[in-house]
Amino acid sequence: MIGLPNISLSDIIVFTTGFHFGSLAGAATGILTWMVYGAINPFGFSFPIWMATMAGEAIFGFVGGILGRSALEEPEGESCDLDYNLEMALWGFLLTLIYDLLTNIVYAITFGMPILLALATGWMAPPWFGPLHEGSNAILFFLGVGPLSKAINGIKGEKYVGVLKS
């Protein structure tokens, strides 16, 4: 989705991988995703930023694994209810905020920029990359985690949201 800066499907995929296959699988997926993309990033390569993006993406998968492990049995057909979707949107927003803070701080350090300036330009200067990233992930997590979970559970033959088996 290169034409839509800071809007990405990888975060929800990494999170959902962790949710269904555990924190280690989710974190590894996040690291591998950025290991490949970061090495061929059309916006350029910077080793410290590459490392920060791999660590930040791993957080999505790791937390997804923790949440999946703690998921309770869901009643049939309830994985896409409003409360569940709002919870997933909140997780998407919070994890993206952490990712953006981490990568903006590393960017500032890497290029000798004041950290507050890097944070301010990421959130308050057009095109508002921070709010765009956090808001789009909140929407993607709201709309996507439930259907992705149902699809994965269908393939796995499970009736649970998390990693518990029926």
C-alpha atoms as a PDB file:
ATOM      1  CA  MET A   1       0.000   0.000   0.000  1.00  0.00           C
ATOM      2  CA  ILE A   2       2.918   2.287  -0.829  1.00  0.00           C
ATOM      3  CA  GLY A   3       0.595   4.906  -2.333  1.00  0.00           C
ATOM      4  CA  LEU A   4      -1.082   5.380   1.046  1.00  0.00           C
ATOM      5  CA  PRO A   5       1.688   6.500   3.432  1.00  0.00           C
ATOM      6  CA  ASN A   6       1.420   5.111   6.955  1.00  0.00           C
ATOM      7  CA  ILE A   7      -1.543   2.906   6.080  1.00  0.00           C
ATOM      8  CA  SER A   8      -0.495  -0.719   6.179  1.00  0.00           C
ATOM      9  CA  LEU A   9      -2.036  -4.152   6.374  1.00  0.00           C
ATOM     10  CA  SER A  10       1.087  -5.717   7.871  1.00  0.00           C
ATOM     11  CA  ASP A  11       0.297  -4.633  11.452  1.00  0.00           C
ATOM     12  CA  ILE A  12      -3.061  -6.403  11.551  1.00  0.00           C
ATOM     13  CA  ILE A  13      -1.588  -9.498   9.878  1.00  0.00           C
ATOM     14  CA  VAL A  14       1.273  -9.663  12.393  1.00  0.00           C
ATOM     15  CA  PHE A  15      -1.102  -9.077  15.339  1.00  0.00           C
ATOM     16  CA  THR A  16      -3.536 -11.754  14.148  1.00  0.00           C
ATOM     17  CA  THR A  17      -0.673 -14.194  13.569  1.00  0.00           C
ATOM     18  CA  GLY A  18       0.356 -13.748  17.185  1.00  0.00           C
ATOM     19  CA  PHE A  19      -3.248 -13.992  18.344  1.00  0.00           C
ATOM     20  CA  HIS A  20      -3.701 -17.411  16.759  1.00  0.00           C
ATOM     21  CA  PHE A  21      -0.239 -18.932  16.773  1.00  0.00           C
ATOM     22  CA  GLY A  22       1.369 -17.412  19.862  1.00  0.00           C
ATOM     23  CA  SER A  23       3.659 -14.565  20.787  1.00  0.00           C
ATOM     24  CA  LEU A  24       6.805 -16.152  19.372  1.00  0.00           C
ATOM     25  CA  ALA A  25       5.227 -16.757  15.961  1.00  0.00           C
ATOM     26  CA  GLY A  26       3.702 -13.273  15.948  1.00  0.00           C
ATOM     27  CA  ALA A  27       6.927 -11.523  16.951  1.00  0.00           C
ATOM     28  CA  ALA A  28       8.926 -13.563  14.424  1.00  0.00           C
ATOM     29  CA  THR A  29       6.442 -12.647  11.698  1.00  0.00           C
ATOM     30  CA  GLY A  30       6.801  -8.966  12.615  1.00  0.00           C
ATOM     31  CA  ILE A  31      10.585  -9.130  12.561  1.00  0.00           C
ATOM     32  CA  LEU A  32      10.678 -11.021   9.254  1.00  0.00           C
ATOM     33  CA  THR A  33       8.155  -8.648   7.682  1.00  0.00           C
ATOM     34  CA  TRP A  34      10.326  -5.617   8.374  1.00  0.00           C
ATOM     35  CA  MET A  35      13.550  -7.523   7.762  1.00  0.00           C
ATOM     36  CA  VAL A  36      12.470  -8.005   4.151  1.00  0.00           C
ATOM     37  CA  TYR A  37      10.564  -4.769   3.556  1.00  0.00           C
ATOM     38  CA  GLY A  38      13.088  -2.606   5.412  1.00  0.00           C
ATOM     39  CA  ALA A  39      15.946  -3.942   3.311  1.00  0.00           C
ATOM     40  CA  ILE A  40      14.170  -2.968   0.071  1.00  0.00           C
ATOM     41  CA  ASN A  41      12.233   0.038   1.406  1.00  0.00           C
ATOM     42  CA  PRO A  42      11.701   2.465  -1.485  1.00  0.00           C
ATOM     43  CA  PHE A  43      12.057   5.369   0.964  1.00  0.00           C
ATOM     44  CA  GLY A  44      15.642   4.363   1.738  1.00  0.00           C
ATOM     45  CA  PHE A  45      17.544   2.274   4.266  1.00  0.00           C
ATOM     46  CA  SER A  46      18.826   3.238   7.703  1.00  0.00           C
ATOM     47  CA  PHE A  47      20.135   0.490   9.990  1.00  0.00           C
ATOM     48  CA  PRO A  48      18.922   2.000  13.322  1.00  0.00           C
ATOM     49  CA  ILE A  49      15.476   2.715  11.901  1.00  0.00           C
ATOM     50  CA  TRP A  50      15.371  -0.765  10.350  1.00  0.00           C
ATOM     51  CA  MET A  51      16.084  -2.278  13.774  1.00  0.00           C
ATOM     52  CA  ALA A  52      13.436  -0.069  15.417  1.00  0.00           C
ATOM     53  CA  THR A  53      10.788  -1.010  12.862  1.00  0.00           C
ATOM     54  CA  MET A  54      11.555  -4.714  13.333  1.00  0.00           C
ATOM     55  CA  ALA A  55      11.271  -4.343  17.122  1.00  0.00           C
ATOM     56  CA  GLY A  56       8.118  -2.241  16.821  1.00  0.00           C
ATOM     57  CA  GLU A  57       6.444  -4.687  14.465  1.00  0.00           C
ATOM     58  CA  ALA A  58       7.391  -7.575  16.759  1.00  0.00           C
ATOM     59  CA  ILE A  59       5.395  -5.871  19.533  1.00  0.00           C
ATOM     60  CA  PHE A  60       2.210  -6.268  17.458  1.00  0.00           C
ATOM     61  CA  GLY A  61       2.751 -10.028  17.199  1.00  0.00           C
ATOM     62  CA  PHE A  62       3.901 -10.460  20.788  1.00  0.00           C
ATOM     63  CA  VAL A  63       0.884  -8.658  22.262  1.00  0.00           C
ATOM     64  CA  GLY A  64      -1.415 -10.471  19.832  1.00  0.00           C
ATOM     65  CA  GLY A  65      -0.068 -13.728  21.275  1.00  0.00           C
ATOM     66  CA  ILE A  66      -0.720 -12.623  24.848  1.00  0.00           C
ATOM     67  CA  LEU A  67      -4.285 -11.612  23.976  1.00  0.00           C
ATOM     68  CA  GLY A  68      -4.912 -14.811  22.038  1.00  0.00           C
ATOM     69  CA  ARG A  69      -3.687 -16.932  24.907  1.00  0.00           C
ATOM     70  CA  SER A  70      -6.084 -15.181  27.277  1.00  0.00           C
ATOM     71  CA  ALA A  71      -9.078 -15.325  24.898  1.00  0.00           C
ATOM     72  CA  LEU A  72     -12.094 -17.114  26.279  1.00  0.00           C
ATOM     73  CA  GLU A  73     -14.512 -19.332  24.404  1.00  0.00           C
ATOM     74  CA  GLU A  74     -16.830 -17.227  22.307  1.00  0.00           C
ATOM     75  CA  PRO A  75     -20.462 -18.057  21.659  1.00  0.00           C
ATOM     76  CA  GLU A  76     -21.041 -19.213  18.103  1.00  0.00           C
ATOM     77  CA  GLY A  77     -21.144 -16.259  15.686  1.00  0.00           C
ATOM     78  CA  GLU A  78     -20.161 -13.618  18.246  1.00  0.00           C
ATOM     79  CA  SER A  79     -16.540 -12.867  17.236  1.00  0.00           C
ATOM     80  CA  CYS A  80     -17.537  -9.742  15.323  1.00  0.00           C
ATOM     81  CA  ASP A  81     -19.739  -8.063  17.932  1.00  0.00           C
ATOM     82  CA  LEU A  82     -19.280  -4.377  18.700  1.00  0.00           C
ATOM     83  CA  ASP A  83     -17.470  -4.817  22.038  1.00  0.00           C
ATOM     84  CA  TYR A  84     -14.934  -7.193  20.499  1.00  0.00           C
ATOM     85  CA  ASN A  85     -14.370  -4.900  17.513  1.00  0.00           C
ATOM     86  CA  LEU A  86     -13.958  -1.848  19.759  1.00  0.00           C
ATOM     87  CA  GLU A  87     -11.447  -3.716  21.907  1.00  0.00           C
ATOM     88  CA  MET A  88      -9.475  -4.693  18.804  1.00  0.00           C
ATOM     89  CA  ALA A  89      -9.606  -1.072  17.564  1.00  0.00           C
ATOM     90  CA  LEU A  90      -8.226   0.101  20.906  1.00  0.00           C
ATOM     91  CA  TRP A  91      -5.406  -2.440  20.752  1.00  0.00           C
ATOM     92  CA  GLY A  92      -4.649  -1.403  17.179  1.00  0.00           C
ATOM     93  CA  PHE A  93      -4.491   2.250  18.207  1.00  0.00           C
ATOM     94  CA  LEU A  94      -2.352   1.666  21.328  1.00  0.00           C
ATOM     95  CA  LEU A  95       0.120  -0.684  19.662  1.00  0.00           C
ATOM     96  CA  THR A  96       0.495   1.699  16.729  1.00  0.00           C
ATOM     97  CA  LEU A  97       1.087   4.597  19.106  1.00  0.00           C
ATOM     98  CA  ILE A  98       3.879   2.607  20.796  1.00  0.00           C
ATOM     99  CA  TYR A  99       5.334   1.692  17.390  1.00  0.00           C
ATOM    100  CA  ASP A 100       5.238   5.324  16.247  1.00  0.00           C
ATOM    101  CA  LEU A 101       6.814   6.614  19.469  1.00  0.00           C
ATOM    102  CA  LEU A 102       9.635   4.081  19.196  1.00  0.00           C
ATOM    103  CA  THR A 103      10.372   4.744  15.541  1.00  0.00           C
ATOM    104  CA  ASN A 104      10.118   8.546  15.890  1.00  0.00           C
ATOM    105  CA  ILE A 105      12.541   8.531  18.821  1.00  0.00           C
ATOM    106  CA  VAL A 106      15.017   6.355  16.927  1.00  0.00           C
ATOM    107  CA  TYR A 107      14.626   8.602  13.875  1.00  0.00           C
ATOM    108  CA  ALA A 108      15.437  11.656  16.003  1.00  0.00           C
ATOM    109  CA  ILE A 109      18.502  10.029  17.544  1.00  0.00           C
ATOM    110  CA  THR A 110      19.713   8.706  14.187  1.00  0.00           C
ATOM    111  CA  PHE A 111      19.543  12.067  12.445  1.00  0.00           C
ATOM    112  CA  GLY A 112      20.559  14.242  15.414  1.00  0.00           C
ATOM    113  CA  MET A 113      17.155  15.855  15.708  1.00  0.00           C
ATOM    114  CA  PRO A 114      15.535  16.894  18.996  1.00  0.00           C
ATOM    115  CA  ILE A 115      13.181  14.114  20.082  1.00  0.00           C
ATOM    116  CA  LEU A 116      10.314  16.518  20.770  1.00  0.00           C
ATOM    117  CA  LEU A 117      10.674  17.953  17.269  1.00  0.00           C
ATOM    118  CA  ALA A 118      10.564  14.467  15.739  1.00  0.00           C
ATOM    119  CA  LEU A 119       7.467  13.631  17.765  1.00  0.00           C
ATOM    120  CA  ALA A 120       5.809  16.940  16.909  1.00  0.00           C
ATOM    121  CA  THR A 121       6.452  16.603  13.188  1.00  0.00           C
ATOM    122  CA  GLY A 122       5.153  13.041  13.261  1.00  0.00           C
ATOM    123  CA  TRP A 123       1.874  14.049  14.863  1.00  0.00           C
ATOM    124  CA  MET A 124       1.221  17.733  14.325  1.00  0.00           C
ATOM    125  CA  ALA A 125       2.706  18.625  10.947  1.00  0.00           C
ATOM    126  CA  PRO A 126       0.976  17.808   7.679  1.00  0.00           C
ATOM    127  CA  PRO A 127       0.422  15.136   6.500  1.00  0.00           C
ATOM    128  CA  TRP A 128       0.013  14.028  10.139  1.00  0.00           C
ATOM    129  CA  PHE A 129       1.630  10.635   9.728  1.00  0.00           C
ATOM    130  CA  GLY A 130       1.137   9.615  13.375  1.00  0.00           C
ATOM    131  CA  PRO A 131      -2.620  10.214  13.611  1.00  0.00           C
ATOM    132  CA  LEU A 132      -3.065   8.740  10.126  1.00  0.00           C
ATOM    133  CA  HIS A 133      -1.195   5.573  11.122  1.00  0.00           C
ATOM    134  CA  GLU A 134      -2.931   5.194  14.488  1.00  0.00           C
ATOM    135  CA  GLY A 135      -6.384   6.041  13.127  1.00  0.00           C
ATOM    136  CA  SER A 136      -6.127   3.784  10.104  1.00  0.00           C
ATOM    137  CA  ASN A 137      -4.928   0.893  12.269  1.00  0.00           C
ATOM    138  CA  ALA A 138      -7.794   1.448  14.706  1.00  0.00           C
ATOM    139  CA  ILE A 139     -10.200   1.192  11.760  1.00  0.00           C
ATOM    140  CA  LEU A 140      -8.404  -1.807  10.234  1.00  0.00           C
ATOM    141  CA  PHE A 141      -8.336  -3.644  13.580  1.00  0.00           C
ATOM    142  CA  PHE A 142     -12.021  -2.787  14.181  1.00  0.00           C
ATOM    143  CA  LEU A 143     -13.039  -4.131  10.777  1.00  0.00           C
ATOM    144  CA  GLY A 144     -10.458  -6.849  10.233  1.00  0.00           C
ATOM    145  CA  VAL A 145      -9.408  -8.833  13.292  1.00  0.00           C
ATOM    146  CA  GLY A 146     -12.792 -10.547  13.711  1.00  0.00           C
ATOM    147  CA  PRO A 147     -13.105 -11.678  10.069  1.00  0.00           C
ATOM    148  CA  LEU A 148      -9.430 -12.717   9.936  1.00  0.00           C
ATOM    149  CA  SER A 149      -9.909 -14.688  13.153  1.00  0.00           C
ATOM    150  CA  LYS A 150     -13.003 -16.411  11.796  1.00  0.00           C
ATOM    151  CA  ALA A 151     -11.150 -17.312   8.597  1.00  0.00           C
ATOM    152  CA  ILE A 152      -8.157 -18.692  10.483  1.00  0.00           C
ATOM    153  CA  ASN A 153     -10.396 -20.613  12.886  1.00  0.00           C
ATOM    154  CA  GLY A 154     -12.318 -22.035   9.941  1.00  0.00           C
ATOM    155  CA  ILE A 155      -9.105 -23.312   8.403  1.00  0.00           C
ATOM    156  CA  LYS A 156      -7.936 -24.667  11.760  1.00  0.00           C
ATOM    157  CA  GLY A 157     -11.367 -26.192  12.479  1.00  0.00           C
ATOM    158  CA  GLU A 158     -11.784 -24.260  15.728  1.00  0.00           C
ATOM    159  CA  LYS A 159     -14.711 -22.376  17.200  1.00  0.00           C
ATOM    160  CA  TYR A 160     -12.689 -20.093  19.479  1.00  0.00           C
ATOM    161  CA  VAL A 161     -11.353 -16.584  18.898  1.00  0.00           C
ATOM    162  CA  GLY A 162      -7.964 -17.381  20.394  1.00  0.00           C
ATOM    163  CA  VAL A 163      -5.640 -20.328  20.266  1.00  0.00           C
ATOM    164  CA  LEU A 164      -7.883 -22.613  22.328  1.00  0.00           C
ATOM    165  CA  LYS A 165      -9.177 -25.606  20.401  1.00  0.00           C
ATOM    166  CA  SER A 166     -12.679 -26.960  20.274  1.00  0.00           C
END
